[in-house]
Amino acid sequence: MSRVRRTLGGLFGRRIRGVRVVNLASLGCLTALVLGVYVCKTMAGREGAEIIDVDHQIVEEQRAVRLLRAEVAHLEQPRRIERLSTAYLGLQPVSAKREAQPDALTEIARQGGAVATAGQGGVASVVGGAR
């Protein structure tokens, strides 16, 4: 026990240029601790800034998605598509003469070759009349 007491007494009692060795060691540990806290806070601040940047990017992407959805809704309007198909492709709605009854569809399917040769008469000529 006296050996430990002597060692501790020598450590606490020893002085370098008037300052105890224990005080110098404590100052070194405190300096290392302060620098460690500073580095951690700096890194946390950078990560916080990155999180805010990512949040802003998410908001911008959500805004772009809403804009694209609105554009798709506009482009898919049936009246617009009908107007464009009439103006540029010359398409017209199917006339009542070219419509067939549901029970006549099996007959049309059996005469698949006749539909192709019917020409302008179309389905109505194969079915045998129109409405």
Protein backbone atom coordinates (compact mmCIF):
# COMPACT_ATOMS: atom_id res chain seq x y z
CA MET A 1 0.00 0.00 0.00
CA SER A 2 2.81 2.35 0.75
CA ARG A 3 4.22 1.72 -2.72
CA VAL A 4 0.97 2.85 -4.37
CA ARG A 5 0.84 5.84 -2.06
CA ARG A 6 4.37 6.79 -2.96
CA THR A 7 3.65 6.46 -6.69
CA LEU A 8 0.47 8.56 -6.47
CA GLY A 9 2.19 11.02 -4.16
CA GLY A 10 5.00 11.36 -6.66
CA LEU A 11 2.54 11.85 -9.54
CA PHE A 12 0.49 14.47 -7.74
CA GLY A 13 3.47 16.10 -6.12
CA ARG A 14 5.76 16.25 -9.13
CA ARG A 15 6.06 19.64 -10.79
CA ILE A 16 7.36 20.81 -14.13
CA ARG A 17 8.21 24.51 -14.19
CA GLY A 18 5.91 25.09 -11.25
CA VAL A 19 2.90 23.20 -12.65
CA ARG A 20 1.85 19.80 -11.42
CA VAL A 21 1.99 16.94 -13.93
CA VAL A 22 -1.62 16.00 -13.10
CA ASN A 23 -2.76 19.50 -14.00
CA LEU A 24 -0.93 19.31 -17.34
CA ALA A 25 -2.50 15.90 -18.09
CA SER A 26 -5.94 17.23 -17.17
CA LEU A 27 -5.41 20.25 -19.44
CA GLY A 28 -4.43 17.92 -22.31
CA CYS A 29 -7.53 15.76 -21.78
CA LEU A 30 -9.74 18.84 -21.58
CA THR A 31 -8.24 20.23 -24.80
CA ALA A 32 -8.80 16.91 -26.59
CA LEU A 33 -12.39 16.82 -25.32
CA VAL A 34 -13.09 20.38 -26.49
CA LEU A 35 -11.65 19.64 -29.94
CA GLY A 36 -13.71 16.43 -30.16
CA VAL A 37 -16.93 18.27 -29.29
CA TYR A 38 -16.11 21.00 -31.83
CA VAL A 39 -15.53 18.44 -34.60
CA CYS A 40 -18.75 16.59 -33.74
CA LYS A 41 -20.81 19.79 -33.76
CA THR A 42 -19.29 20.87 -37.06
CA MET A 43 -20.11 17.52 -38.65
CA ALA A 44 -23.65 17.65 -37.24
CA GLY A 45 -24.10 21.15 -38.70
CA ARG A 46 -23.01 19.94 -42.13
CA GLU A 47 -25.38 16.99 -41.95
CA GLY A 48 -28.18 19.32 -40.89
CA ALA A 49 -27.49 21.51 -43.91
CA GLU A 50 -27.50 18.43 -46.17
CA ILE A 51 -30.84 17.35 -44.69
CA ILE A 52 -32.33 20.77 -45.38
CA ASP A 53 -30.97 20.63 -48.94
CA VAL A 54 -32.51 17.20 -49.51
CA ASP A 55 -35.82 18.45 -48.09
CA HIS A 56 -35.78 21.33 -50.58
CA GLN A 57 -35.05 18.88 -53.40
CA ILE A 58 -37.98 16.72 -52.31
CA VAL A 59 -40.30 19.74 -52.33
CA GLU A 60 -39.11 20.71 -55.82
CA GLU A 61 -39.60 17.16 -57.10
CA GLN A 62 -43.10 17.04 -55.62
CA ARG A 63 -43.89 20.34 -57.32
CA ALA A 64 -42.60 18.96 -60.63
CA VAL A 65 -44.69 15.79 -60.21
CA ARG A 66 -47.84 17.86 -59.58
CA LEU A 67 -47.09 19.95 -62.66
CA LEU A 68 -46.58 16.84 -64.80
CA ARG A 69 -49.79 15.27 -63.50
CA ALA A 70 -51.71 18.44 -64.38
CA GLU A 71 -50.15 18.42 -67.85
CA VAL A 72 -51.10 14.76 -68.37
CA ALA A 73 -54.65 15.50 -67.25
CA HIS A 74 -54.82 18.32 -69.80
CA LEU A 75 -53.35 16.21 -72.59
CA GLU A 76 -55.71 13.29 -71.91
CA GLN A 77 -58.93 15.30 -72.18
CA PRO A 78 -61.26 13.43 -74.55
CA ARG A 79 -62.50 16.61 -76.27
CA ARG A 80 -58.93 17.68 -76.99
CA ILE A 81 -57.99 14.26 -78.37
CA GLU A 82 -61.12 14.18 -80.53
CA ARG A 83 -60.40 17.67 -81.87
CA LEU A 84 -56.79 16.79 -82.71
CA SER A 85 -57.68 13.46 -84.30
CA THR A 86 -60.24 15.20 -86.51
CA ALA A 87 -57.91 18.07 -87.44
CA TYR A 88 -54.69 16.15 -88.10
CA LEU A 89 -55.72 12.56 -88.88
CA GLY A 90 -59.12 13.09 -90.41
CA LEU A 91 -60.71 10.61 -88.01
CA GLN A 92 -64.43 10.80 -87.36
CA PRO A 93 -66.67 9.07 -84.84
CA VAL A 94 -67.99 5.69 -85.97
CA SER A 95 -71.34 6.07 -87.70
CA ALA A 96 -74.33 4.03 -86.64
CA LYS A 97 -74.26 2.19 -89.98
CA ARG A 98 -70.93 0.57 -89.04
CA GLU A 99 -72.06 -0.75 -85.67
CA ALA A 100 -73.00 -4.38 -85.03
CA GLN A 101 -75.21 -6.06 -82.45
CA PRO A 102 -73.38 -8.05 -79.74
CA ASP A 103 -74.95 -11.35 -80.81
CA ALA A 104 -73.73 -10.76 -84.38
CA LEU A 105 -70.09 -10.67 -83.28
CA THR A 106 -69.70 -14.44 -83.49
CA GLU A 107 -70.87 -14.36 -87.10
CA ILE A 108 -68.42 -11.56 -87.87
CA ALA A 109 -65.60 -13.54 -86.25
CA ARG A 110 -66.43 -16.61 -88.35
CA GLN A 111 -66.38 -14.55 -91.53
CA GLY A 112 -63.08 -12.84 -90.73
CA GLY A 113 -61.98 -13.01 -94.36
CA ALA A 114 -65.24 -11.52 -95.56
CA VAL A 115 -64.71 -8.44 -93.44
CA ALA A 116 -61.41 -7.80 -95.15
CA THR A 117 -62.96 -8.17 -98.60
CA ALA A 118 -66.06 -6.17 -97.73
CA GLY A 119 -64.21 -2.94 -98.51
CA GLN A 120 -66.20 0.21 -97.80
CA GLY A 121 -69.26 -1.70 -96.62
CA GLY A 122 -67.35 -2.80 -93.50
CA VAL A 123 -69.03 -4.69 -90.73
CA ALA A 124 -72.51 -3.54 -91.72
CA SER A 125 -72.28 -5.27 -95.08
CA VAL A 126 -71.15 -8.53 -93.43
CA VAL A 127 -73.87 -8.44 -90.81
CA GLY A 128 -76.47 -7.74 -93.43
CA GLY A 129 -77.58 -4.28 -92.65
CA ALA A 130 -77.30 -1.49 -90.21
CA ARG A 131 -79.44 -0.04 -87.51
